[in-house]
């Protein structure tokens, strides 16, 4: 039992990746009423990164979207 606890303490934990909710908050701050959110690119490793495509609703055009890049839990607007 002690060996199992020792192994559990030495295994490094990976940082959690960003969620669509975090991308949604960036879209709202950028005057985009978010609709469908889909991940376009996701990388793992020491610097995990996810790029989300957030469709904007409520506008005249149906093809309006923003791209949000999240590194760990810090998200920024790309486009």
N, C-alpha and C. Protein backbone atom coordinates (compact mmCIF):
# COMPACT_ATOMS: atom_id res chain seq x y z
N UNK A 1 0.83 -1.19 0.00
CA UNK A 1 0.00 0.00 0.00
C UNK A 1 0.87 1.26 0.00
N UNK A 2 1.95 1.23 0.78
CA UNK A 2 2.83 2.39 0.86
C UNK A 2 3.52 2.63 -0.48
N UNK A 3 3.84 1.56 -1.21
CA UNK A 3 4.48 1.72 -2.52
C UNK A 3 3.53 2.38 -3.51
N UNK A 4 2.26 2.02 -3.45
CA UNK A 4 1.26 2.63 -4.33
C UNK A 4 1.12 4.11 -4.04
N UNK A 5 1.08 4.48 -2.79
CA UNK A 5 0.96 5.90 -2.41
C UNK A 5 2.21 6.66 -2.85
N UNK A 6 3.37 6.04 -2.71
CA UNK A 6 4.60 6.68 -3.15
C UNK A 6 4.63 6.91 -4.65
N UNK A 7 4.12 5.93 -5.43
CA UNK A 7 4.06 6.09 -6.88
C UNK A 7 3.07 7.18 -7.26
N UNK A 8 1.96 7.25 -6.57
CA UNK A 8 0.94 8.25 -6.88
C UNK A 8 1.46 9.65 -6.63
N UNK A 9 2.33 9.80 -5.67
CA UNK A 9 2.87 11.13 -5.35
C UNK A 9 3.96 11.55 -6.32
N UNK A 10 4.62 10.59 -6.98
CA UNK A 10 5.72 10.94 -7.87
C UNK A 10 5.29 11.11 -9.32
N UNK A 11 4.09 10.71 -9.68
CA UNK A 11 3.61 10.84 -11.05
C UNK A 11 3.22 12.29 -11.30
N UNK A 12 3.84 12.95 -12.27
CA UNK A 12 3.47 14.34 -12.53
C UNK A 12 2.06 14.44 -13.12
N UNK A 13 1.37 15.46 -12.74
CA UNK A 13 0.03 15.66 -13.28
C UNK A 13 0.10 16.61 -14.45
N UNK A 14 -0.71 16.34 -15.45
CA UNK A 14 -0.78 17.22 -16.61
C UNK A 14 -1.73 18.37 -16.33
N UNK A 15 -1.42 19.56 -16.82
CA UNK A 15 -2.33 20.67 -16.62
C UNK A 15 -3.63 20.43 -17.39
N UNK A 16 -4.71 20.87 -16.81
CA UNK A 16 -6.01 20.70 -17.47
C UNK A 16 -6.09 21.60 -18.69
N UNK A 17 -6.77 21.13 -19.71
CA UNK A 17 -6.91 21.93 -20.92
C UNK A 17 -8.09 22.88 -20.79
N UNK A 18 -8.13 23.84 -21.67
CA UNK A 18 -9.19 24.84 -21.65
C UNK A 18 -10.52 24.22 -22.04
N UNK A 19 -11.60 24.85 -21.60
CA UNK A 19 -12.93 24.35 -21.90
C UNK A 19 -13.65 25.30 -22.85
N UNK A 20 -14.68 24.83 -23.52
CA UNK A 20 -15.48 25.72 -24.37
C UNK A 20 -16.08 26.90 -23.61
N UNK A 21 -16.34 26.74 -22.32
CA UNK A 21 -16.89 27.85 -21.53
C UNK A 21 -15.91 29.02 -21.47
N UNK A 22 -14.62 28.73 -21.42
CA UNK A 22 -13.63 29.80 -21.40
C UNK A 22 -13.56 30.49 -22.76
N UNK A 23 -13.68 29.74 -23.82
CA UNK A 23 -13.71 30.33 -25.17
C UNK A 23 -14.97 31.16 -25.35
N UNK A 24 -16.08 30.70 -24.78
CA UNK A 24 -17.34 31.43 -24.86
C UNK A 24 -17.23 32.81 -24.20
N UNK A 25 -16.55 32.88 -23.06
CA UNK A 25 -16.43 34.17 -22.37
C UNK A 25 -15.59 35.16 -23.17
N UNK A 26 -14.59 34.69 -23.89
CA UNK A 26 -13.79 35.56 -24.75
C UNK A 26 -14.64 36.06 -25.92
N UNK A 27 -15.46 35.18 -26.49
CA UNK A 27 -16.33 35.57 -27.59
C UNK A 27 -17.33 36.63 -27.15
N UNK A 28 -17.91 36.47 -25.98
CA UNK A 28 -18.87 37.46 -25.46
C UNK A 28 -18.19 38.80 -25.26
N UNK A 29 -16.97 38.78 -24.74
CA UNK A 29 -16.22 40.02 -24.54
C UNK A 29 -15.86 40.69 -25.87
N UNK A 30 -15.91 39.92 -26.96
CA UNK A 30 -15.58 40.45 -28.29
C UNK A 30 -16.83 40.76 -29.11
N UNK A 31 -17.95 40.95 -28.44
CA UNK A 31 -19.23 41.29 -29.08
C UNK A 31 -19.73 40.20 -30.02
N UNK A 32 -19.52 38.96 -29.65
CA UNK A 32 -20.02 37.82 -30.42
C UNK A 32 -20.94 37.03 -29.50
N UNK A 33 -22.21 36.91 -29.90
CA UNK A 33 -23.14 36.08 -29.14
C UNK A 33 -22.87 34.64 -29.55
N UNK A 34 -22.25 33.84 -28.66
CA UNK A 34 -21.78 32.52 -29.07
C UNK A 34 -22.90 31.53 -29.35
N UNK A 35 -22.68 30.75 -30.39
CA UNK A 35 -23.56 29.64 -30.74
C UNK A 35 -22.76 28.35 -30.60
N UNK A 36 -22.55 27.67 -31.71
CA UNK A 36 -21.79 26.42 -31.71
C UNK A 36 -20.31 26.69 -31.48
N UNK A 37 -19.70 25.89 -30.61
CA UNK A 37 -18.27 25.99 -30.33
C UNK A 37 -17.63 24.65 -30.64
N UNK A 38 -16.59 24.68 -31.49
CA UNK A 38 -15.91 23.44 -31.84
C UNK A 38 -14.40 23.64 -31.79
N UNK A 39 -13.68 22.65 -31.27
CA UNK A 39 -12.22 22.75 -31.26
C UNK A 39 -11.67 22.51 -32.68
N UNK A 40 -10.78 23.39 -33.10
CA UNK A 40 -10.15 23.23 -34.42
C UNK A 40 -8.81 22.52 -34.31
N UNK A 41 -8.05 22.88 -33.29
CA UNK A 41 -6.70 22.32 -33.12
C UNK A 41 -6.43 22.16 -31.64
N UNK A 42 -5.83 21.05 -31.27
CA UNK A 42 -5.49 20.83 -29.86
C UNK A 42 -4.13 20.17 -29.79
N UNK A 43 -3.24 20.76 -29.00
CA UNK A 43 -1.93 20.17 -28.79
C UNK A 43 -1.76 19.89 -27.30
N UNK A 44 -0.97 18.88 -27.00
CA UNK A 44 -0.71 18.50 -25.61
C UNK A 44 0.78 18.58 -25.37
N UNK A 45 1.17 18.48 -24.13
CA UNK A 45 2.58 18.53 -23.78
C UNK A 45 2.82 19.54 -22.69
N UNK A 46 4.02 20.12 -22.70
CA UNK A 46 4.37 21.09 -21.67
C UNK A 46 3.57 22.38 -21.80
N UNK A 47 3.19 22.75 -23.01
CA UNK A 47 2.39 23.96 -23.26
C UNK A 47 1.13 23.58 -24.03
N UNK A 48 0.14 23.00 -23.35
CA UNK A 48 -1.07 22.59 -24.07
C UNK A 48 -1.80 23.80 -24.64
N UNK A 49 -2.35 23.62 -25.82
CA UNK A 49 -3.03 24.72 -26.51
C UNK A 49 -4.25 24.17 -27.26
N UNK A 50 -5.33 24.93 -27.23
CA UNK A 50 -6.53 24.58 -27.98
C UNK A 50 -7.02 25.82 -28.71
N UNK A 51 -7.38 25.66 -29.98
CA UNK A 51 -7.97 26.75 -30.75
C UNK A 51 -9.42 26.36 -31.01
N UNK A 52 -10.34 27.24 -30.59
CA UNK A 52 -11.76 27.00 -30.77
C UNK A 52 -12.32 27.90 -31.86
N UNK A 53 -13.27 27.38 -32.62
CA UNK A 53 -14.04 28.17 -33.57
C UNK A 53 -15.40 28.40 -32.92
N UNK A 54 -15.73 29.68 -32.70
CA UNK A 54 -16.99 30.03 -32.05
C UNK A 54 -17.87 30.73 -33.07
N UNK A 55 -18.99 30.11 -33.41
CA UNK A 55 -19.95 30.70 -34.35
C UNK A 55 -20.74 31.80 -33.63
N UNK A 56 -20.86 32.96 -34.28
CA UNK A 56 -21.60 34.08 -33.71
C UNK A 56 -23.03 34.05 -34.24
N UNK A 57 -24.00 34.19 -33.36
CA UNK A 57 -25.41 34.16 -33.75
C UNK A 57 -26.01 35.55 -33.61
N UNK A 58 -27.16 35.75 -34.21
CA UNK A 58 -27.88 37.00 -34.07
C UNK A 58 -27.51 38.06 -35.09
N UNK A 59 -26.57 37.80 -35.96
CA UNK A 59 -26.18 38.77 -36.97
C UNK A 59 -26.88 38.52 -38.29
N UNK A 60 -26.61 39.38 -39.26
CA UNK A 60 -27.23 39.24 -40.59
C UNK A 60 -26.60 38.11 -41.38
N UNK A 61 -25.31 37.90 -41.21
CA UNK A 61 -24.61 36.85 -41.93
C UNK A 61 -24.53 35.59 -41.07
N UNK A 62 -24.67 34.44 -41.71
CA UNK A 62 -24.63 33.17 -40.97
C UNK A 62 -23.22 32.61 -40.85
N UNK A 63 -22.25 33.19 -41.55
CA UNK A 63 -20.89 32.66 -41.55
C UNK A 63 -19.93 33.48 -40.70
N UNK A 64 -20.43 34.15 -39.68
CA UNK A 64 -19.57 34.97 -38.82
C UNK A 64 -19.09 34.09 -37.66
N UNK A 65 -17.78 34.10 -37.45
CA UNK A 65 -17.20 33.34 -36.35
C UNK A 65 -15.95 34.03 -35.85
N UNK A 66 -15.52 33.64 -34.66
CA UNK A 66 -14.26 34.11 -34.10
C UNK A 66 -13.42 32.89 -33.75
N UNK A 67 -12.12 33.07 -33.76
CA UNK A 67 -11.19 32.03 -33.34
C UNK A 67 -10.61 32.43 -32.00
N UNK A 68 -10.63 31.52 -31.06
CA UNK A 68 -10.13 31.78 -29.71
C UNK A 68 -9.03 30.76 -29.41
N UNK A 69 -7.87 31.27 -29.03
CA UNK A 69 -6.74 30.42 -28.69
C UNK A 69 -6.61 30.36 -27.18
N UNK A 70 -6.56 29.15 -26.63
CA UNK A 70 -6.43 28.96 -25.18
C UNK A 70 -5.16 28.17 -24.90
N UNK A 71 -4.35 28.71 -24.04
CA UNK A 71 -3.16 28.01 -23.54
C UNK A 71 -3.40 27.78 -22.06
N UNK A 72 -3.49 26.55 -21.68
CA UNK A 72 -3.90 26.10 -20.35
C UNK A 72 -5.28 26.69 -20.07
N UNK A 73 -5.39 27.77 -19.30
CA UNK A 73 -6.69 28.38 -19.03
C UNK A 73 -6.70 29.87 -19.38
N UNK A 74 -5.76 30.33 -20.19
CA UNK A 74 -5.73 31.72 -20.62
C UNK A 74 -6.11 31.77 -22.10
N UNK A 75 -7.24 32.42 -22.38
CA UNK A 75 -7.75 32.45 -23.73
C UNK A 75 -7.70 33.87 -24.30
N UNK A 76 -7.36 33.97 -25.60
CA UNK A 76 -7.30 35.25 -26.29
C UNK A 76 -7.98 35.11 -27.64
N UNK A 77 -8.45 36.23 -28.15
CA UNK A 77 -9.11 36.28 -29.45
C UNK A 77 -8.03 36.29 -30.53
N UNK A 78 -8.15 35.39 -31.51
CA UNK A 78 -7.24 35.39 -32.65
C UNK A 78 -7.82 36.17 -33.82
N UNK A 79 -9.11 35.97 -34.06
CA UNK A 79 -9.74 36.60 -35.21
C UNK A 79 -11.21 36.81 -34.92
